[in-house]
Amino acid sequence: MLSFHQPIWIALGIALSFSLIVLSYLRERSQKRLLRTFASAQMEQRLVKNISPSRRRFKLGLILLALILLCTALARPQYGFRWVDVQRRGIDILFAIDTSRSMLSQDLKPNRLERARYAVMDFVATLGGDRVGLIPFAGSSYLMCPLTLDYQAFTDSLKALDTKIIPRRGTNIAKVIALAEKTVADSSNHKILIILTDGENLQGDVLKAADLAKKNGLTIYTIGVGTAAGELIPGGPGGAFIRDSSGKYVKSKLDEETLQEIAEKTGGISVLLGNNNQGLKKIYTDKLRFIPKKELREQREKLPIERFYWPLSMALILLASEFLIAEGSRGRRSSKKTLKIFSFLAIISILGLIAVKSYAGEGEDAYNRADYAGAQKIYKSLLKGSPDDPQLQYNMGTAAYKNGEIDTAILQFKKCLQTEDVELQKRAYYNLGTSYYQKGKKSSDTEPLEEAIKAYDSCLKLDSANSAAKKNRAIVEEELKKRQKKQTQQNHRTIRTIRTYRANRTNRTNRTNRTNRTNRTNRTNRTKKTVALKVKKIPPDRNKILESRQRWRGRPSLEERQ
């Protein structure tokens, strides 16, 4: 549908056209009155003989129509839409710091306010790409530092905090929440309010304000500054501690219970600040650092197409035609010549408008219908005619990514990087990193994750303020470290297995060797025994042998001879 971004210009164009008609009418009457003053009626007719009233009115009509068309162009007509890649900044964090006199208590060194200041400064130093703002409060509050990416300006505002900055005493957290809601009302980012206070002497209906904050998407984290035991409040006359109306010293104690209720109402948590800023570290570790993970995806936004050049082109043609048309009625040839010039300009304008390339083409329509396969097919056919068109390559890569063909998407995004368009390069590097990450999730190999980090690094070189690329790179890097740690553990297990196998093999070899040695020893022993037995069978007395032989031969023995 046709719409106008600033329709007020249309009403202004109609008002200017009406004013121009009135001024032209008054001018014509004035000219006639002056002419009658200097010339008679007969002379007047002869003087205006060659002036054509119809041409004057026609020229005026052209000017009026051109004026309306110019105002229409200023109204920014929009027709159709296109999809573009966008980047979210991440988180909007408002720090609300209590500046009441109880924050001067010294149960945290050097005092509660100084400890809160140092904690916030250390916390902001760990951020990257998230907007921060500052709200000091006591009995009232105000926005001291609007949401900004300039961390140095935020730090300067933080250093200027003291307990005298807000003269109204008390601790009105309800007003702080209302002011925070108003500050982030127009933001589409994640909305965070971090309240640092001792929670004492609360004013207003703070729990009702917390319920309203939750409905508006504001998450509140409360940080208790101080101790439950409490401490005396300095700031009395002559540097003494503050006393109440009865003359007793006033001791400020931390109200943990109320702070816990405020945080739980909005889905946040309540922690104690601690001497080493443990509270803010816990909020970041347990909550905030997980928020950007939701943004690791292709980011596209539907934007209307500006059509201001349509009425602007027609207005220029009308103004040129008005300039070429003469007011006199002399020479019909010049009239015909003017008509030809006007027709030529009109034809050129129409052809130019027809030739204007619409961003909402068939491929974009298919993509919008979630027909990613159809969009990929269309871009593929267009690439056959223009294989080196970086915009088509980028669109093809985006459609392939949505269609689940990650390798094709990676190939097209790499081809798209040859363009000289820096903006297109940044988007291509960003989506290339996301594609590699998706490929790495489906594989146990760490190489795709390493390539994803390289792609995000290239994107950040072209646009160092790209917070989405920074966050996605951190996510991929964390995943890569987990993979590498797991791989290292697996390598250690493999090494232990190999060592165990080698030790077992050595033990088996040793047992075998011992067995072989035992067997050889046993065989040797058996051989020795056999030989010994054979030796025993031989008679040790030679005389008996000779006597037995002689008896066998019939000869007398030695004893008989003797």
Protein backbone atom coordinates (compact mmCIF):
# COMPACT_ATOMS: atom_id res chain seq x y z
CA MET A 1 0.00 0.00 0.00
CA LEU A 2 1.05 3.57 -0.69
CA SER A 3 1.86 5.51 2.46
CA PHE A 4 3.55 8.77 3.40
CA HIS A 5 6.19 9.06 6.08
CA GLN A 6 5.56 12.80 6.63
CA PRO A 7 2.01 13.50 5.39
CA ILE A 8 2.09 17.03 6.83
CA TRP A 9 3.89 18.15 3.66
CA ILE A 10 0.84 17.27 1.52
CA ALA A 11 -1.36 19.60 3.56
CA LEU A 12 1.36 22.24 3.35
CA GLY A 13 1.53 21.82 -0.45
CA ILE A 14 -2.22 22.33 -0.80
CA ALA A 15 -2.05 25.44 1.41
CA LEU A 16 0.87 26.87 -0.62
CA SER A 17 -0.96 26.18 -3.88
CA PHE A 18 -4.07 27.97 -2.65
CA SER A 19 -1.92 30.89 -1.50
CA LEU A 20 -0.21 31.02 -4.90
CA ILE A 21 -3.59 31.14 -6.67
CA VAL A 22 -4.69 34.05 -4.48
CA LEU A 23 -1.41 35.90 -5.01
CA SER A 24 -1.61 35.40 -8.79
CA TYR A 25 -5.16 36.70 -8.84
CA LEU A 26 -4.24 39.77 -6.79
CA ARG A 27 -1.15 40.38 -8.93
CA GLU A 28 -3.18 40.23 -12.15
CA ARG A 29 -5.73 42.71 -10.77
CA SER A 30 -2.93 45.02 -9.67
CA GLN A 31 -1.31 44.89 -13.11
CA LYS A 32 -4.61 45.69 -14.83
CA ARG A 33 -5.24 48.62 -12.50
CA LEU A 34 -1.76 50.05 -13.15
CA LEU A 35 -2.17 49.56 -16.91
CA ARG A 36 -5.44 51.51 -16.89
CA THR A 37 -3.71 54.30 -15.07
CA PHE A 38 -1.17 54.85 -17.86
CA ALA A 39 -3.16 53.82 -20.98
CA SER A 40 -6.61 54.23 -22.39
CA ALA A 41 -8.96 51.32 -23.04
CA GLN A 42 -8.09 51.23 -26.79
CA MET A 43 -4.36 51.38 -26.09
CA GLU A 44 -4.72 48.66 -23.43
CA GLN A 45 -6.24 46.25 -25.91
CA ARG A 46 -3.43 46.89 -28.36
CA LEU A 47 -0.76 46.39 -25.65
CA VAL A 48 -2.13 43.02 -24.43
CA LYS A 49 -3.06 41.82 -27.91
CA ASN A 50 -0.24 39.22 -28.02
CA ILE A 51 -0.75 38.03 -24.43
CA SER A 52 -2.70 34.75 -24.14
CA PRO A 53 -4.70 34.50 -20.89
CA SER A 54 -5.20 30.79 -21.44
CA ARG A 55 -1.44 30.24 -21.66
CA ARG A 56 -0.94 32.24 -18.50
CA ARG A 57 -3.47 30.12 -16.72
CA PHE A 58 -1.88 26.96 -18.16
CA LYS A 59 1.58 28.05 -16.98
CA LEU A 60 0.17 28.83 -13.56
CA GLY A 61 -1.46 25.42 -13.47
CA LEU A 62 1.88 23.78 -14.27
CA ILE A 63 3.58 25.67 -11.44
CA LEU A 64 0.80 24.76 -8.99
CA LEU A 65 0.97 21.09 -9.95
CA ALA A 66 4.77 21.11 -9.72
CA LEU A 67 4.53 22.69 -6.26
CA ILE A 68 2.11 20.01 -5.08
CA LEU A 69 4.37 17.27 -6.48
CA LEU A 70 7.43 18.76 -4.74
CA CYS A 71 5.58 18.77 -1.43
CA THR A 72 4.46 15.21 -2.14
CA ALA A 73 8.10 14.24 -2.64
CA LEU A 74 8.95 15.89 0.70
CA ALA A 75 6.18 13.82 2.30
CA ARG A 76 8.30 10.76 1.38
CA PRO A 77 5.83 8.43 -0.35
CA GLN A 78 6.56 4.76 0.32
CA TYR A 79 5.36 1.81 -1.69
CA GLY A 80 6.46 -1.80 -1.33
CA PHE A 81 9.14 -3.02 1.03
CA ARG A 82 12.55 -4.65 1.12
CA TRP A 83 14.48 -6.75 3.60
CA VAL A 84 17.74 -5.45 4.99
CA ASP A 85 20.24 -6.79 7.51
CA VAL A 86 20.22 -4.94 10.82
CA GLN A 87 22.29 -5.16 13.96
CA ARG A 88 21.03 -4.90 17.51
CA ARG A 89 23.23 -3.20 20.01
CA GLY A 90 22.53 -5.62 22.84
CA ILE A 91 21.64 -4.23 26.26
CA ASP A 92 20.60 -0.86 27.68
CA ILE A 93 21.81 -0.68 31.29
CA LEU A 94 20.77 2.11 33.66
CA PHE A 95 22.69 2.40 36.92
CA ALA A 96 20.70 4.03 39.74
CA ILE A 97 22.99 4.93 42.65
CA ASP A 98 21.70 6.00 46.04
CA THR A 99 23.20 9.36 47.09
CA SER A 100 21.42 9.75 50.41
CA ARG A 101 23.48 10.55 53.52
CA SER A 102 23.28 6.94 54.74
CA MET A 103 25.60 6.02 51.85
CA LEU A 104 28.42 7.77 53.74
CA SER A 105 28.46 4.99 56.34
CA GLN A 106 31.81 3.26 56.50
CA ASP A 107 30.87 -0.38 57.03
CA LEU A 108 32.31 -0.74 53.48
CA LYS A 109 35.63 1.02 53.03
CA PRO A 110 36.19 3.87 52.35
CA ASN A 111 32.39 4.33 52.46
CA ARG A 112 29.30 2.89 50.79
CA LEU A 113 29.08 5.50 48.02
CA GLU A 114 32.75 5.25 47.06
CA ARG A 115 32.60 1.45 47.03
CA ALA A 116 29.50 1.55 44.77
CA ARG A 117 31.25 4.04 42.45
CA TYR A 118 34.36 1.84 42.10
CA ALA A 119 32.22 -1.26 41.52
CA VAL A 120 30.29 0.35 38.66
CA MET A 121 33.48 1.67 37.04
CA ASP A 122 35.01 -1.81 37.09
CA PHE A 123 31.81 -3.32 35.71
CA VAL A 124 31.53 -0.88 32.80
CA ALA A 125 35.13 -1.61 31.85
CA THR A 126 34.06 -5.19 30.98
CA LEU A 127 31.24 -4.11 28.64
CA GLY A 128 31.49 -3.71 24.90
CA GLY A 129 28.73 -2.26 22.70
CA ASP A 130 26.11 -1.95 25.46
CA ARG A 131 24.64 1.47 26.23
CA VAL A 132 24.88 2.72 29.81
CA GLY A 133 23.18 5.55 31.69
CA LEU A 134 23.32 7.01 35.20
CA ILE A 135 20.52 8.03 37.60
CA PRO A 136 21.49 9.43 41.02
CA PHE A 137 18.64 9.38 43.53
CA ALA A 138 17.71 10.17 47.08
CA GLY A 139 14.28 11.69 47.89
CA SER A 140 14.06 12.51 44.16
CA SER A 141 16.02 11.48 41.08
CA TYR A 142 17.08 12.68 37.62
CA LEU A 143 18.88 11.36 34.53
CA MET A 144 22.45 12.56 34.98
CA CYS A 145 23.93 10.66 32.01
CA PRO A 146 21.58 9.53 29.18
CA LEU A 147 22.10 6.14 27.57
CA THR A 148 25.37 6.30 25.67
CA LEU A 149 28.19 4.23 24.21
CA ASP A 150 30.68 6.86 25.36
CA TYR A 151 31.98 5.10 28.47
CA GLN A 152 34.36 7.95 29.24
CA ALA A 153 31.48 10.44 29.48
CA PHE A 154 29.63 7.98 31.72
CA THR A 155 32.69 7.62 33.95
CA ASP A 156 33.05 11.39 34.22
CA SER A 157 29.43 11.64 35.37
CA LEU A 158 30.01 8.83 37.84
CA LYS A 159 32.98 10.61 39.37
CA ALA A 160 30.85 13.72 39.98
CA LEU A 161 28.45 11.88 42.32
CA ASP A 162 28.22 12.96 45.96
CA THR A 163 25.57 13.11 48.68
CA LYS A 164 24.91 16.82 48.03
CA ILE A 165 23.91 16.40 44.39
CA ILE A 166 20.25 15.87 45.38
CA PRO A 167 19.14 18.12 48.25
CA ARG A 168 15.91 16.25 48.96
CA ARG A 169 16.55 13.58 51.62
CA GLY A 170 15.19 10.06 51.63
CA THR A 171 15.34 6.99 49.36
CA ASN A 172 12.56 7.01 46.79
CA ILE A 173 13.18 3.95 44.60
CA ALA A 174 9.65 4.10 43.12
CA LYS A 175 10.52 7.34 41.31
CA VAL A 176 13.77 5.83 40.10
CA ILE A 177 11.91 2.93 38.47
CA ALA A 178 9.42 5.30 36.82
CA LEU A 179 12.23 7.47 35.45
CA ALA A 180 14.07 4.39 34.14
CA GLU A 181 10.93 3.18 32.34
CA LYS A 182 10.56 6.57 30.66
CA THR A 183 14.23 6.62 29.65
CA VAL A 184 14.18 3.22 27.88
CA ALA A 185 10.59 3.41 26.62
CA ASP A 186 11.60 3.80 22.94
CA SER A 187 14.39 1.23 23.03
CA SER A 188 14.07 -2.18 21.37
CA ASN A 189 17.11 -3.52 23.24
CA HIS A 190 17.16 -5.54 26.43
CA LYS A 191 16.27 -3.11 29.26
CA ILE A 192 18.17 -3.44 32.53
CA LEU A 193 18.01 -1.30 35.68
CA ILE A 194 20.67 -1.92 38.35
CA ILE A 195 19.91 -0.21 41.67
CA LEU A 196 22.74 0.23 44.17
CA THR A 197 21.36 1.28 47.55
CA ASP A 198 21.29 0.45 51.24
CA GLY A 199 17.50 0.13 50.87
CA GLU A 200 16.73 2.10 54.00
CA ASN A 201 13.95 4.65 54.47
CA LEU A 202 12.08 3.64 51.29
CA GLN A 203 9.37 5.97 49.98
CA GLY A 204 6.49 5.47 47.55
CA ASP A 205 4.84 2.25 46.44
CA VAL A 206 7.99 0.59 45.17
CA LEU A 207 6.48 -2.88 44.65
CA LYS A 208 3.68 -1.48 42.49
CA ALA A 209 6.28 0.38 40.43
CA ALA A 210 8.20 -2.90 40.02
CA ASP A 211 5.08 -4.67 38.72
CA LEU A 212 4.57 -1.94 36.12
CA ALA A 213 8.25 -2.14 35.12
CA LYS A 214 7.90 -5.87 34.44
CA LYS A 215 4.95 -5.23 32.10
CA ASN A 216 7.08 -2.74 30.16
CA GLY A 217 9.97 -5.19 29.76
CA LEU A 218 12.31 -3.63 32.34
CA THR A 219 14.33 -6.08 34.45
CA ILE A 220 15.56 -4.78 37.81
CA TYR A 221 18.61 -6.02 39.68
CA THR A 222 19.15 -4.73 43.21
CA ILE A 223 22.52 -4.55 44.93
CA GLY A 224 22.62 -4.04 48.66
CA VAL A 225 25.40 -1.66 49.70
CA GLY A 226 26.29 -2.09 53.36
CA THR A 227 25.90 -4.70 56.07
CA ALA A 228 22.99 -6.01 58.09
CA ALA A 229 24.73 -4.95 61.30
CA GLY A 230 24.73 -1.35 60.09
CA GLU A 231 26.97 1.60 60.84
CA LEU A 232 26.69 5.16 62.15
CA ILE A 233 26.11 7.92 59.60
CA PRO A 234 28.70 10.70 59.47
CA GLY A 235 27.81 14.21 58.39
CA GLY A 236 26.69 15.86 61.60
CA PRO A 237 27.95 19.21 62.95
CA GLY A 238 31.73 19.35 63.21
CA GLY A 239 32.13 15.98 61.51
CA ALA A 240 30.20 14.14 64.22
CA PHE A 241 27.76 11.32 63.58
CA ILE A 242 24.13 12.15 62.91
CA ARG A 243 21.69 12.03 65.85
CA ASP A 244 17.92 11.79 65.87
CA SER A 245 15.54 14.20 67.60
CA SER A 246 16.02 12.39 70.91
CA GLY A 247 19.80 12.77 70.70
CA LYS A 248 20.56 9.12 69.92
CA TYR A 249 23.00 8.18 67.17
CA VAL A 250 21.35 7.03 63.94
CA LYS A 251 22.58 3.70 62.61
CA SER A 252 21.98 2.78 58.96
CA LYS A 253 21.15 -0.89 58.37
CA LEU A 254 20.78 -2.73 55.07
CA ASP A 255 17.17 -3.66 54.15
CA GLU A 256 17.82 -6.88 52.22
CA GLU A 257 14.25 -8.16 52.33
CA THR A 258 12.73 -5.23 50.42
CA LEU A 259 15.47 -5.26 47.80
CA GLN A 260 14.87 -8.96 47.27
CA GLU A 261 11.14 -8.38 46.67
CA ILE A 262 11.82 -5.60 44.14
CA ALA A 263 14.16 -7.77 42.09
CA GLU A 264 11.95 -10.87 42.15
CA LYS A 265 8.97 -8.86 40.87
CA THR A 266 10.75 -8.26 37.52
CA GLY A 267 12.69 -11.50 37.17
CA GLY A 268 15.98 -10.08 38.43
CA ILE A 269 18.10 -11.05 41.38
CA SER A 270 19.24 -9.28 44.54
CA VAL A 271 22.82 -9.54 45.78
CA LEU A 272 25.16 -7.86 48.21
CA LEU A 273 27.88 -5.64 46.78
CA GLY A 274 30.67 -7.01 49.00
CA ASN A 275 34.13 -5.62 49.61
CA ASN A 276 35.46 -6.92 46.26
CA ASN A 277 32.46 -6.05 44.06
CA GLN A 278 31.21 -9.65 44.13
CA GLY A 279 27.61 -8.53 43.63
CA LEU A 280 28.03 -6.92 40.20
CA LYS A 281 30.30 -9.75 39.08
CA LYS A 282 27.62 -12.27 40.03
CA ILE A 283 24.92 -10.38 38.09
CA TYR A 284 27.10 -10.33 34.99
CA THR A 285 28.23 -13.95 35.32
CA ASP A 286 24.81 -15.45 36.13
CA LYS A 287 22.54 -13.23 34.02
CA LEU A 288 23.81 -10.51 31.71
CA ARG A 289 26.49 -12.42 29.84
CA PHE A 290 23.90 -14.88 28.52
CA ILE A 291 21.60 -12.24 27.00
CA PRO A 292 23.58 -11.59 23.76
CA LYS A 293 23.47 -15.31 22.86
CA LYS A 294 19.90 -14.77 21.68
CA GLU A 295 21.22 -12.49 18.95
CA LEU A 296 23.42 -15.08 17.20
CA ARG A 297 21.29 -15.39 14.09
CA GLU A 298 20.74 -13.68 10.76
CA GLN A 299 19.16 -10.34 11.48
CA ARG A 300 16.79 -8.93 8.85
CA GLU A 301 14.23 -6.16 9.03
CA LYS A 302 11.37 -5.22 6.74
CA LEU A 303 11.74 -1.62 5.52
CA PRO A 304 9.43 0.35 3.18
CA ILE A 305 10.82 1.51 -0.19
CA GLU A 306 11.07 5.26 -0.73
CA ARG A 307 9.31 6.47 -3.91
CA PHE A 308 9.96 10.20 -3.62
CA TYR A 309 11.67 10.25 -7.02
CA TRP A 310 8.34 9.65 -8.77
CA PRO A 311 6.70 12.98 -7.85
CA LEU A 312 10.07 14.74 -7.89
CA SER A 313 10.74 13.72 -11.50
CA MET A 314 7.28 14.86 -12.61
CA ALA A 315 7.70 18.18 -10.80
CA LEU A 316 11.00 18.88 -12.59
CA ILE A 317 9.41 18.06 -15.94
CA LEU A 318 6.51 20.41 -15.25
CA LEU A 319 8.82 23.24 -14.20
CA ALA A 320 10.94 22.76 -17.32
CA SER A 321 7.81 22.76 -19.49
CA GLU A 322 6.50 25.93 -17.84
CA PHE A 323 9.80 27.61 -18.59
CA LEU A 324 9.61 26.65 -22.30
CA ILE A 325 6.01 27.78 -22.82
CA ALA A 326 5.69 31.43 -23.89
CA GLU A 327 2.88 33.66 -22.65
CA GLY A 328 2.35 35.24 -26.08
CA SER A 329 0.09 33.81 -28.77
CA ARG A 330 2.57 34.52 -31.58
CA GLY A 331 3.92 31.67 -33.64
CA ARG A 332 2.04 28.43 -33.53
CA ARG A 333 5.26 26.79 -34.63
CA SER A 334 6.89 27.64 -31.31
CA SER A 335 3.83 26.20 -29.60
CA LYS A 336 4.20 22.95 -31.49
CA LYS A 337 7.91 22.89 -30.72
CA THR A 338 7.18 23.36 -27.04
CA LEU A 339 4.63 20.55 -27.15
CA LYS A 340 7.20 18.23 -28.73
CA ILE A 341 9.77 19.08 -26.04
CA PHE A 342 7.22 18.50 -23.32
CA SER A 343 6.20 15.16 -24.81
CA PHE A 344 9.85 14.10 -25.10
CA LEU A 345 10.56 14.94 -21.47
CA ALA A 346 7.43 13.12 -20.35
CA ILE A 347 8.36 9.98 -22.31
CA ILE A 348 11.93 10.03 -20.91
CA SER A 349 10.58 10.38 -17.38
CA ILE A 350 8.09 7.53 -17.77
CA LEU A 351 10.74 5.24 -19.24
CA GLY A 352 13.09 6.15 -16.40
CA LEU A 353 10.47 5.30 -13.81
CA ILE A 354 9.72 1.99 -15.50
CA ALA A 355 13.44 1.20 -15.63
CA VAL A 356 13.89 1.82 -11.89
CA LYS A 357 14.82 -1.47 -10.28
CA SER A 358 12.47 -2.49 -7.52
CA TYR A 359 14.03 -4.04 -4.49
CA ALA A 360 10.91 -6.03 -3.73
CA GLY A 361 11.48 -8.45 -6.64
CA GLU A 362 10.42 -12.02 -7.02
CA GLY A 363 13.32 -13.27 -4.93
CA GLU A 364 12.45 -10.95 -2.04
CA ASP A 365 8.79 -11.91 -2.27
CA ALA A 366 9.68 -15.58 -2.11
CA TYR A 367 12.02 -14.92 0.83
CA ASN A 368 9.27 -13.01 2.62
CA ARG A 369 6.91 -15.95 2.18
CA ALA A 370 9.57 -18.15 3.82
CA ASP A 371 9.96 -19.95 0.49
CA TYR A 372 13.73 -20.02 0.81
CA ALA A 373 14.16 -22.79 -1.73
CA GLY A 374 12.17 -20.76 -4.27
CA ALA A 375 14.15 -17.60 -3.50
CA GLN A 376 17.39 -19.53 -3.89
CA LYS A 377 16.22 -20.88 -7.25
CA ILE A 378 15.34 -17.37 -8.47
CA TYR A 379 18.68 -15.90 -7.41
CA LYS A 380 20.48 -18.83 -8.99
CA SER A 381 18.82 -18.12 -12.34
CA LEU A 382 19.62 -14.41 -12.04
CA LEU A 383 23.27 -15.22 -11.30
CA LYS A 384 23.52 -17.04 -14.63
CA GLY A 385 22.98 -13.72 -16.36
CA SER A 386 25.06 -11.67 -13.91
CA PRO A 387 27.52 -14.04 -12.23
CA ASP A 388 29.64 -11.20 -10.82
CA ASP A 389 26.81 -9.18 -9.26
CA PRO A 390 27.76 -8.94 -5.54
CA GLN A 391 24.22 -8.06 -4.44
CA LEU A 392 22.82 -11.16 -6.13
CA GLN A 393 25.61 -13.24 -4.60
CA TYR A 394 24.75 -11.87 -1.17
CA ASN A 395 21.02 -12.54 -1.66
CA MET A 396 21.80 -16.04 -2.91
CA GLY A 397 23.94 -16.70 0.18
CA THR A 398 21.19 -15.46 2.50
CA ALA A 399 18.54 -17.63 0.84
CA ALA A 400 20.86 -20.67 0.89
CA TYR A 401 21.56 -20.09 4.60
CA LYS A 402 17.86 -20.03 5.38
CA ASN A 403 17.38 -23.12 3.21
CA GLY A 404 19.93 -25.02 5.29
CA GLU A 405 22.58 -25.19 2.55
CA ILE A 406 25.39 -23.78 4.66
CA ASP A 407 28.22 -24.68 2.27
CA THR A 408 26.48 -22.87 -0.60
CA ALA A 409 25.89 -19.85 1.63
CA ILE A 410 29.56 -19.76 2.62
CA LEU A 411 30.63 -19.94 -1.04
CA GLN A 412 28.33 -17.07 -2.08
CA PHE A 413 29.31 -14.84 0.84
CA LYS A 414 32.98 -15.36 -0.04
CA LYS A 415 32.28 -14.35 -3.66
CA CYS A 416 30.39 -11.30 -2.43
CA LEU A 417 33.51 -10.08 -0.58
CA GLN A 418 35.04 -9.02 -3.90
CA THR A 419 32.73 -6.01 -4.00
CA GLU A 420 33.98 -2.47 -3.35
CA ASP A 421 30.83 -1.64 -1.39
CA VAL A 422 32.07 -1.48 2.21
CA GLU A 423 28.57 -1.81 3.69
CA LEU A 424 27.93 -4.95 1.67
CA GLN A 425 31.33 -6.31 2.73
CA LYS A 426 30.49 -5.80 6.40
CA ARG A 427 27.18 -7.65 6.06
CA ALA A 428 28.83 -10.43 4.06
CA TYR A 429 31.57 -10.92 6.66
CA TYR A 430 28.97 -10.94 9.44
CA ASN A 431 26.77 -13.55 7.76
CA LEU A 432 29.86 -15.53 6.73
CA GLY A 433 30.84 -15.80 10.40
CA THR A 434 27.30 -16.89 11.32
CA SER A 435 27.31 -19.51 8.53
CA TYR A 436 30.63 -20.93 9.69
CA TYR A 437 29.28 -21.07 13.24
CA GLN A 438 26.24 -23.06 12.09
CA LYS A 439 28.52 -25.40 10.18
CA GLY A 440 30.72 -25.82 13.24
CA LYS A 441 27.71 -26.73 15.40
CA LYS A 442 27.00 -29.72 13.15
CA SER A 443 30.61 -30.89 13.11
CA SER A 444 33.08 -31.93 15.75
CA ASP A 445 35.85 -30.20 13.84
CA THR A 446 37.06 -26.87 15.23
CA GLU A 447 38.12 -25.43 11.88
CA PRO A 448 34.67 -23.88 11.03
CA LEU A 449 34.63 -22.11 14.41
CA GLU A 450 38.12 -20.74 13.75
CA GLU A 451 36.95 -19.47 10.34
CA ALA A 452 33.91 -17.87 12.00
CA ILE A 453 36.18 -15.92 14.35
CA LYS A 454 38.29 -14.76 11.39
CA ALA A 455 35.14 -13.56 9.57
CA TYR A 456 33.94 -11.62 12.62
CA ASP A 457 37.42 -10.10 13.01
CA SER A 458 37.26 -8.90 9.39
CA CYS A 459 33.82 -7.43 10.02
CA LEU A 460 35.12 -5.58 13.10
CA LYS A 461 38.05 -4.19 11.12
CA LEU A 462 35.54 -2.52 8.80
CA ASP A 463 33.19 -1.53 11.62
CA SER A 464 34.77 -1.54 15.06
CA ALA A 465 31.49 -0.42 16.67
CA ASN A 466 29.57 -3.48 15.46
CA SER A 467 28.38 -4.76 18.81
CA ALA A 468 26.56 -7.77 17.32
CA ALA A 469 29.77 -8.99 15.69
CA LYS A 470 31.63 -8.55 18.99
CA LYS A 471 29.07 -10.54 20.93
CA ASN A 472 28.82 -13.29 18.32
CA ARG A 473 32.61 -13.54 18.18
CA ALA A 474 32.72 -13.95 21.96
CA ILE A 475 30.12 -16.71 21.77
CA VAL A 476 32.00 -18.56 19.04
CA GLU A 477 35.28 -18.13 20.90
CA GLU A 478 33.73 -19.59 24.05
CA GLU A 479 32.40 -22.54 22.07
CA LEU A 480 35.82 -23.03 20.46
CA LYS A 481 37.50 -23.07 23.87
CA LYS A 482 35.05 -25.71 25.08
CA ARG A 483 35.78 -27.82 22.00
CA GLN A 484 39.52 -27.43 22.44
CA LYS A 485 39.27 -28.30 26.13
CA LYS A 486 37.21 -31.36 25.30
CA GLN A 487 39.70 -32.32 22.59
CA THR A 488 42.58 -31.88 25.02
CA GLN A 489 40.83 -34.10 27.56
CA GLN A 490 40.20 -36.68 24.87
CA ASN A 491 43.86 -36.53 23.83
CA HIS A 492 44.88 -37.05 27.44
CA ARG A 493 42.59 -40.06 27.66
CA THR A 494 44.07 -41.42 24.44
CA ILE A 495 47.60 -40.91 25.77
CA ARG A 496 46.68 -42.67 29.00
CA THR A 497 45.17 -45.53 27.01
CA ILE A 498 48.32 -45.83 24.90
CA ARG A 499 50.49 -45.76 27.97
CA THR A 500 48.35 -48.39 29.64
CA TYR A 501 48.51 -50.55 26.53
CA ARG A 502 52.27 -50.18 26.35
CA ALA A 503 52.64 -50.98 30.05
CA ASN A 504 50.44 -54.06 29.66
CA ARG A 505 52.39 -55.13 26.60
CA THR A 506 55.65 -54.72 28.53
CA ASN A 507 54.24 -56.74 31.40
CA ARG A 508 53.13 -59.47 29.02
CA THR A 509 56.58 -59.50 27.42
CA ASN A 510 58.24 -59.71 30.80
CA ARG A 511 55.97 -62.55 31.84
CA THR A 512 56.70 -64.32 28.59
CA ASN A 513 60.42 -63.86 29.04
CA ARG A 514 60.26 -65.14 32.58
CA THR A 515 58.24 -68.12 31.42
CA ASN A 516 60.72 -68.84 28.65
CA ARG A 517 63.62 -68.59 31.05
CA THR A 518 61.86 -70.91 33.45
CA ASN A 519 61.14 -73.38 30.67
CA ARG A 520 64.74 -73.33 29.50
CA THR A 521 65.92 -73.85 33.05
CA ASN A 522 63.54 -76.74 33.51
CA ARG A 523 64.66 -78.34 30.27
CA THR A 524 68.28 -77.97 31.29
CA ASN A 525 67.58 -79.54 34.65
CA ARG A 526 65.73 -82.45 33.06
CA THR A 527 68.65 -83.04 30.69
CA LYS A 528 71.11 -83.08 33.54
CA LYS A 529 68.99 -85.60 35.42
CA THR A 530 68.77 -87.87 32.38
CA VAL A 531 72.52 -87.82 31.91
CA ALA A 532 73.02 -88.54 35.56
CA LEU A 533 70.72 -91.55 35.35
CA LYS A 534 72.64 -92.89 32.37
CA VAL A 535 75.90 -92.51 34.19
CA LYS A 536 74.52 -94.48 37.16
CA LYS A 537 73.69 -97.52 34.98
CA ILE A 538 77.42 -98.06 34.15
CA PRO A 539 79.00 -100.42 36.75
CA PRO A 540 81.68 -98.62 38.65
CA ASP A 541 83.81 -101.90 39.24
CA ARG A 542 85.83 -103.05 36.20
CA ASN A 543 86.94 -106.31 37.81
CA LYS A 544 83.37 -107.52 38.05
CA ILE A 545 82.89 -106.82 34.39
CA LEU A 546 85.95 -108.87 33.48
CA GLU A 547 84.87 -111.75 35.71
CA SER A 548 81.47 -111.87 34.12
CA ARG A 549 83.02 -112.00 30.69
CA GLN A 550 85.41 -114.80 31.67
CA ARG A 551 82.59 -116.88 33.13
CA TRP A 552 80.67 -116.42 29.97
CA ARG A 553 83.70 -117.64 27.96
CA GLY A 554 84.32 -120.61 30.33
CA ARG A 555 87.53 -119.25 31.83
CA PRO A 556 88.28 -119.25 35.54
CA SER A 557 87.87 -116.04 37.45
CA LEU A 558 90.72 -114.21 39.03
CA GLU A 559 90.02 -115.68 42.41
CA GLU A 560 90.10 -119.20 41.00
CA ARG A 561 93.43 -118.54 39.29
CA GLN A 562 94.93 -117.49 42.49
